[in-house]
Structure formats: C-alpha cells, structure tokens
Protein backbone atom coordinates (compact mmCIF):
# COMPACT_ATOMS: atom_id res chain seq x y z
CA MET A 1 -3.35 -45.37 67.09
CA THR A 2 -2.74 -41.65 67.65
CA THR A 3 -5.44 -39.39 69.02
CA ASP A 4 -5.15 -36.93 66.13
CA ALA A 5 -6.78 -39.26 63.62
CA ILE A 6 -10.41 -40.20 63.03
CA LEU A 7 -9.46 -43.13 60.76
CA VAL A 8 -6.28 -45.20 60.76
CA ALA A 9 -5.61 -48.00 58.28
CA THR A 10 -2.51 -50.13 58.82
CA ASP A 11 -0.96 -52.64 56.37
CA VAL A 12 -4.20 -53.16 54.45
CA VAL A 13 -3.96 -55.93 51.86
CA LYS A 14 -6.65 -56.88 49.36
CA ARG A 15 -6.27 -59.88 47.07
CA TYR A 16 -8.56 -61.10 44.33
CA GLY A 17 -7.30 -64.60 43.70
CA LYS A 18 -3.65 -64.24 42.74
CA PHE A 19 -3.99 -60.52 42.01
CA GLN A 20 -3.03 -58.22 44.87
CA ALA A 21 -4.89 -54.93 44.48
CA LEU A 22 -3.57 -53.42 47.73
CA SER A 23 -0.15 -54.29 49.10
CA GLY A 24 0.15 -53.19 52.71
CA VAL A 25 -1.42 -49.72 52.48
CA SER A 26 -1.29 -47.55 55.60
CA ILE A 27 -3.09 -44.21 55.83
CA ARG A 28 -4.08 -41.87 58.66
CA ILE A 29 -6.97 -39.41 58.23
CA LYS A 30 -7.09 -36.41 60.54
CA PRO A 31 -10.48 -35.00 61.62
CA ASN A 32 -11.97 -31.96 59.89
CA THR A 33 -9.58 -32.17 56.97
CA ILE A 34 -9.86 -32.94 53.27
CA HIS A 35 -7.67 -35.95 52.47
CA SER A 36 -7.39 -36.73 48.76
CA VAL A 37 -6.27 -40.00 47.20
CA ILE A 38 -4.85 -39.71 43.69
CA GLY A 39 -3.07 -41.87 41.12
CA PRO A 40 -3.66 -43.32 37.65
CA ASN A 41 -6.15 -46.01 36.76
CA GLY A 42 -5.12 -49.25 38.39
CA ALA A 43 -3.31 -47.57 41.27
CA GLY A 44 -5.74 -49.03 43.82
CA LYS A 45 -7.68 -45.89 44.78
CA THR A 46 -11.15 -47.38 44.41
CA THR A 47 -10.14 -50.65 46.06
CA LEU A 48 -8.81 -48.65 49.00
CA PHE A 49 -12.13 -46.79 49.21
CA HIS A 50 -14.02 -50.09 49.09
CA THR A 51 -11.98 -51.58 51.92
CA LEU A 52 -12.07 -48.47 54.10
CA THR A 53 -15.85 -48.12 53.75
CA GLY A 54 -16.75 -51.81 53.98
CA THR A 55 -17.97 -52.34 50.42
CA VAL A 56 -15.41 -55.16 50.33
CA LEU A 57 -13.53 -56.64 53.26
CA PRO A 58 -9.72 -56.52 53.28
CA THR A 59 -7.72 -59.72 53.04
CA SER A 60 -5.65 -58.57 56.01
CA GLY A 61 -4.76 -55.42 57.90
CA SER A 62 -6.35 -53.11 60.43
CA ILE A 63 -8.89 -50.30 59.95
CA VAL A 64 -9.69 -48.27 63.06
CA LEU A 65 -12.52 -45.72 63.06
CA LYS A 66 -12.75 -43.44 66.11
CA GLY A 67 -10.78 -45.96 68.14
CA GLN A 68 -12.80 -49.00 67.07
CA GLU A 69 -11.54 -51.79 64.82
CA VAL A 70 -13.90 -52.00 61.84
CA ALA A 71 -11.96 -54.05 59.27
CA ARG A 72 -14.41 -56.95 59.51
CA LEU A 73 -17.56 -54.83 59.74
CA THR A 74 -19.94 -54.40 56.81
CA ASP A 75 -20.59 -51.08 55.10
CA TYR A 76 -23.93 -50.51 56.86
CA GLN A 77 -22.30 -51.21 60.24
CA ARG A 78 -19.70 -48.56 59.45
CA VAL A 79 -22.45 -46.11 58.49
CA GLN A 80 -23.91 -46.55 61.96
CA LEU A 81 -20.50 -45.61 63.39
CA GLY A 82 -20.36 -42.35 61.45
CA MET A 83 -19.04 -43.22 57.98
CA ALA A 84 -20.72 -42.53 54.63
CA ARG A 85 -19.73 -42.48 50.97
CA SER A 86 -20.82 -41.50 47.49
CA PHE A 87 -20.01 -43.47 44.36
CA GLN A 88 -18.45 -42.58 41.01
CA VAL A 89 -21.62 -43.71 39.24
CA THR A 90 -24.73 -41.99 40.58
CA SER A 91 -27.00 -44.27 42.59
CA LEU A 92 -30.10 -42.13 42.91
CA PHE A 93 -33.73 -43.27 42.72
CA PRO A 94 -34.83 -41.63 39.45
CA ARG A 95 -38.59 -41.77 40.07
CA LEU A 96 -38.38 -40.36 43.58
CA THR A 97 -38.22 -36.65 44.32
CA VAL A 98 -35.15 -35.00 45.77
CA ARG A 99 -36.94 -34.88 49.13
CA GLU A 100 -37.78 -38.58 48.96
CA ASN A 101 -34.25 -39.58 47.94
CA LEU A 102 -32.84 -37.77 50.96
CA ARG A 103 -35.49 -39.10 53.33
CA LEU A 104 -34.82 -42.64 52.20
CA ALA A 105 -31.08 -42.15 52.75
CA ALA A 106 -31.68 -40.72 56.23
CA GLN A 107 -33.97 -43.58 57.25
CA GLY A 108 -31.64 -46.18 55.80
CA VAL A 109 -29.09 -45.54 58.55
CA GLN A 110 -31.24 -47.55 60.95
CA PRO A 111 -31.53 -51.28 60.13
CA GLY A 112 -34.99 -52.22 58.93
CA LYS A 113 -36.17 -48.61 58.64
CA ALA A 114 -35.37 -47.96 54.99
CA LEU A 115 -38.33 -49.96 53.70
CA ALA A 116 -40.60 -48.20 56.20
CA PHE A 117 -40.17 -45.23 53.86
CA TRP A 118 -43.01 -46.65 51.81
CA SER A 119 -45.46 -46.34 54.68
CA LYS A 120 -47.62 -43.28 53.96
CA ALA A 121 -47.64 -42.48 57.67
CA LEU A 122 -43.94 -41.72 57.45
CA LEU A 123 -43.97 -39.63 54.30
CA THR A 124 -44.79 -36.31 55.94
CA GLY A 125 -42.51 -34.37 58.22
CA VAL A 126 -39.90 -37.08 58.75
CA HIS A 127 -36.34 -35.72 58.72
CA ASP A 128 -37.58 -32.41 57.26
CA ASP A 129 -35.10 -30.27 59.19
CA LEU A 130 -32.19 -32.45 58.10
CA ILE A 131 -33.37 -32.48 54.49
CA GLU A 132 -33.79 -28.72 54.38
CA SER A 133 -30.33 -28.11 55.83
CA ILE A 134 -28.74 -30.46 53.28
CA LEU A 135 -30.58 -28.85 50.37
CA LYS A 136 -29.52 -25.40 51.52
CA ARG A 137 -25.90 -26.52 51.74
CA LEU A 138 -26.07 -28.06 48.26
CA GLU A 139 -28.04 -25.16 46.76
CA LEU A 140 -30.83 -27.53 45.73
CA SER A 141 -33.73 -26.10 47.76
CA ALA A 142 -35.61 -25.07 44.61
CA CYS A 143 -35.49 -28.67 43.35
CA ILE A 144 -36.95 -30.36 46.42
CA ASP A 145 -40.08 -31.65 44.65
CA LYS A 146 -38.45 -32.55 41.35
CA THR A 147 -37.64 -36.18 40.64
CA SER A 148 -33.93 -36.88 40.55
CA SER A 149 -34.25 -37.77 36.85
CA GLN A 150 -35.35 -34.19 36.17
CA LEU A 151 -32.13 -32.75 37.59
CA SER A 152 -29.12 -31.73 35.53
CA HIS A 153 -26.05 -33.90 35.77
CA GLY A 154 -24.37 -31.44 38.10
CA GLN A 155 -27.42 -31.32 40.35
CA GLN A 156 -27.56 -35.12 40.44
CA ARG A 157 -23.93 -35.23 41.56
CA ARG A 158 -24.72 -32.77 44.34
CA LEU A 159 -27.73 -34.83 45.39
CA GLU A 160 -25.46 -37.88 45.48
CA VAL A 161 -23.33 -36.06 48.07
CA GLY A 162 -26.54 -35.12 49.86
CA MET A 163 -27.53 -38.79 50.09
CA ALA A 164 -24.28 -39.47 51.93
CA LEU A 165 -24.76 -36.42 54.15
CA ALA A 166 -28.24 -37.65 55.09
CA ALA A 167 -26.56 -40.37 57.15
CA GLN A 168 -25.14 -37.52 59.29
CA PRO A 169 -21.60 -38.92 59.10
CA GLN A 170 -18.46 -37.75 60.82
CA ILE A 171 -16.35 -38.88 57.86
CA ILE A 172 -17.52 -38.92 54.24
CA PHE A 173 -15.86 -40.60 51.25
CA LEU A 174 -16.46 -38.95 47.85
CA ASP A 175 -15.56 -40.91 44.72
CA GLU A 176 -15.05 -38.63 41.69
CA PRO A 177 -17.77 -36.13 42.71
CA THR A 178 -17.05 -33.81 39.74
CA SER A 179 -17.08 -36.57 37.11
CA GLY A 180 -18.74 -35.38 33.90
CA MET A 181 -19.41 -31.87 35.17
CA GLY A 182 -19.09 -28.57 33.34
CA ILE A 183 -16.95 -25.78 34.71
CA ASP A 184 -19.76 -23.99 36.58
CA ASP A 185 -20.88 -27.18 38.29
CA ILE A 186 -17.27 -28.06 39.13
CA ASP A 187 -16.78 -24.71 40.87
CA ALA A 188 -19.99 -25.20 42.84
CA MET A 189 -19.01 -28.71 43.92
CA LYS A 190 -15.54 -27.52 44.87
CA ALA A 191 -17.05 -24.90 47.17
CA ILE A 192 -19.42 -27.47 48.69
CA ILE A 193 -16.62 -29.95 49.42
CA HIS A 194 -14.41 -27.25 50.89
CA GLY A 195 -17.26 -26.20 53.18
CA LEU A 196 -17.84 -29.74 54.46
CA ARG A 197 -14.60 -29.75 56.46
CA GLN A 198 -16.15 -27.30 58.93
CA ASP A 199 -18.36 -30.11 60.23
CA LEU A 200 -16.80 -33.40 59.16
CA THR A 201 -13.86 -35.14 57.54
CA VAL A 202 -13.70 -35.62 53.77
CA VAL A 203 -11.79 -38.36 51.95
CA LEU A 204 -11.73 -37.67 48.23
CA ILE A 205 -10.87 -39.50 45.02
CA GLU A 206 -10.64 -36.89 42.29
CA HIS A 207 -8.91 -36.68 38.92
CA ASN A 208 -9.24 -32.90 38.67
CA MET A 209 -5.85 -31.81 39.97
CA GLY A 210 -6.94 -28.18 40.22
CA ILE A 211 -9.52 -29.15 42.82
CA VAL A 212 -7.20 -31.54 44.62
CA MET A 213 -4.42 -28.98 44.93
CA ASP A 214 -6.75 -26.15 45.93
CA ILE A 215 -8.78 -27.76 48.71
CA SER A 216 -6.79 -30.72 50.09
CA ASP A 217 -5.02 -30.64 53.42
CA THR A 218 -3.28 -33.96 52.73
CA ILE A 219 -2.77 -35.92 49.51
CA THR A 220 -1.96 -39.61 49.27
CA VAL A 221 -0.48 -40.65 45.91
CA MET A 222 -0.92 -44.33 45.08
CA GLN A 223 1.02 -46.51 42.68
CA LEU A 224 0.23 -50.14 41.88
CA GLY A 225 -1.56 -50.79 45.15
CA THR A 226 0.93 -49.02 47.39
CA VAL A 227 1.41 -45.51 48.76
CA LEU A 228 4.08 -43.70 46.74
CA VAL A 229 3.98 -40.31 48.46
CA GLU A 230 1.88 -38.60 51.11
CA GLY A 231 1.99 -34.96 52.15
CA THR A 232 0.59 -31.49 51.71
CA PRO A 233 -0.28 -30.25 48.22
CA GLN A 234 2.99 -28.32 48.08
CA GLU A 235 4.99 -31.36 49.14
CA VAL A 236 3.28 -33.58 46.59
CA LYS A 237 3.57 -30.97 43.86
CA GLY A 238 7.30 -30.69 44.46
CA ASP A 239 8.02 -34.43 44.63
CA ALA A 240 9.99 -35.62 41.61
CA ARG A 241 8.61 -39.17 41.93
CA VAL A 242 5.06 -37.89 41.56
CA ARG A 243 5.85 -35.74 38.54
CA GLN A 244 7.72 -38.57 36.85
CA ALA A 245 5.23 -41.31 37.64
CA TYR A 246 1.92 -39.57 37.06
CA LEU A 247 1.24 -35.95 36.73
CA GLY A 248 3.97 -34.29 34.73
CA ASN A 249 2.79 -30.88 33.62
CA MET A 250 -0.66 -31.38 35.14
CA ILE A 251 0.59 -30.84 38.68
CA THR A 252 2.86 -27.92 37.83
CA GLY A 253 0.28 -25.90 35.98
CA GLY A 254 0.03 -27.51 32.53
CA ARG A 255 -2.85 -29.59 31.29
C-alpha cells in the first residue's frame, strides 16, 4: 500500500454462484479527492460499492482502509473506522423530523446506541452542534423540524447525504446522489459534493456526466466487472475506448 491513498482495493472478486460480478478490480482512492466510478448498467459499479463499504463481502481480494485490512469486516465495523455511504434509493425515516433523522444516524455509529434514540432523556441537545453544521452545509437549516416526508425530492436527497455525514466519516460513498432531481437541485448537490472534498474523501457513482467531468479528480470507468480506464476527466474524455464503449457524444459535449 502507498501512503498517498486512504483506500486501496486489490484484485477484488465478487461471485454470485457462477456469475462473476467483479473480476479482479483494483482501485486506489487518494484522500481529499472526488473519485467517480462510471459505466453502463451491469458494469459492476454498485457491486464494487457494496464490497468496498461492507454491504456484501468480496469473494476474494484485499480492501485496505487507512492501512487496515477491512475486506472481511461488516459495514457497521467500517463505519466505525471512518467510512460512510448513501444509497441510490433514499433510506430516510419518513415520520421523523430532519433533526431526528440526523440524530439517529449520528448515534447509530456506536453499537447499541441507535435504539437509545427512543429514550426521551436523549432527545434534547444530543449531537446538536453536529446536526446544525450538517444542515448549514446542506442548506436545510429551515427544514430542521419538518418530517423527512414533507421535504421535496431534492431536499430528501440532500438529507440522505447528511445521514452519511452524521457518522463523521473520513471517506463517503455517494450512490447516484442526483437521481431524479431537477436542474436547480442538481446544481445545489453538485456544489455540496464539491465542497465535501475540503474535509473528506468522496467516492461517487453518478450517471450525470456533466457533474462527473466538472468535479472529479479521478474517474474509474468500469466494463463488465473490470476496470477499463482510470484517469483524470481529461484523460477519460480523450480515451477512444471510453467513447466507443459507453459515452459517445455524452462525454464530448453532446447529450
């Protein structure tokens, strides 16, 4: 492992029966960067996210986080080591307020503490500074006492990122954070993600190539469970294999 990486995955394989979803994927994530993973449906992006974050365990291979082997650790164990993620489908608590959603996420980092959320003694003042800082960053301060079901879709997506931030991670994985958003919400989310790299590392799955090309430091292009190309946005944009295999006019300025 090199010292310039916060996360290093080496020869990661994931099989489901006879189907091999990942075929020896290696990836190195540098700290305080935005590292995007792109490719068409079926390329293995989500499976890679699942294995890196512990949602599923790899069949074989190494995953090292901050110098520690984590390939066999569960997702909650990785959260305790500084990793967090959001999901493509929102996983908010619709009857809880924005404040309560974030407090629950913050308490959930410690084993056995998440359910203590329901104790009335813990409902006041717990994690308030953290919650307020997250809401300010996400421009959701005015919504603090609304239930998450009362939020617009764009606000719910931002709160989803906030739930991951409540774990106070050093590396955060965002899975399609702009999915279903209108243009104004997309611009707001883009600015939020770009700002995150000041404090932590971002690993991003995103189909919006405008966002990927604008804010990424490194892009990994996947194809059928393998890494096709990895490089800067300019390098990826200029790679003939990428244009031919996936993006065509999308990556060069067309739709």
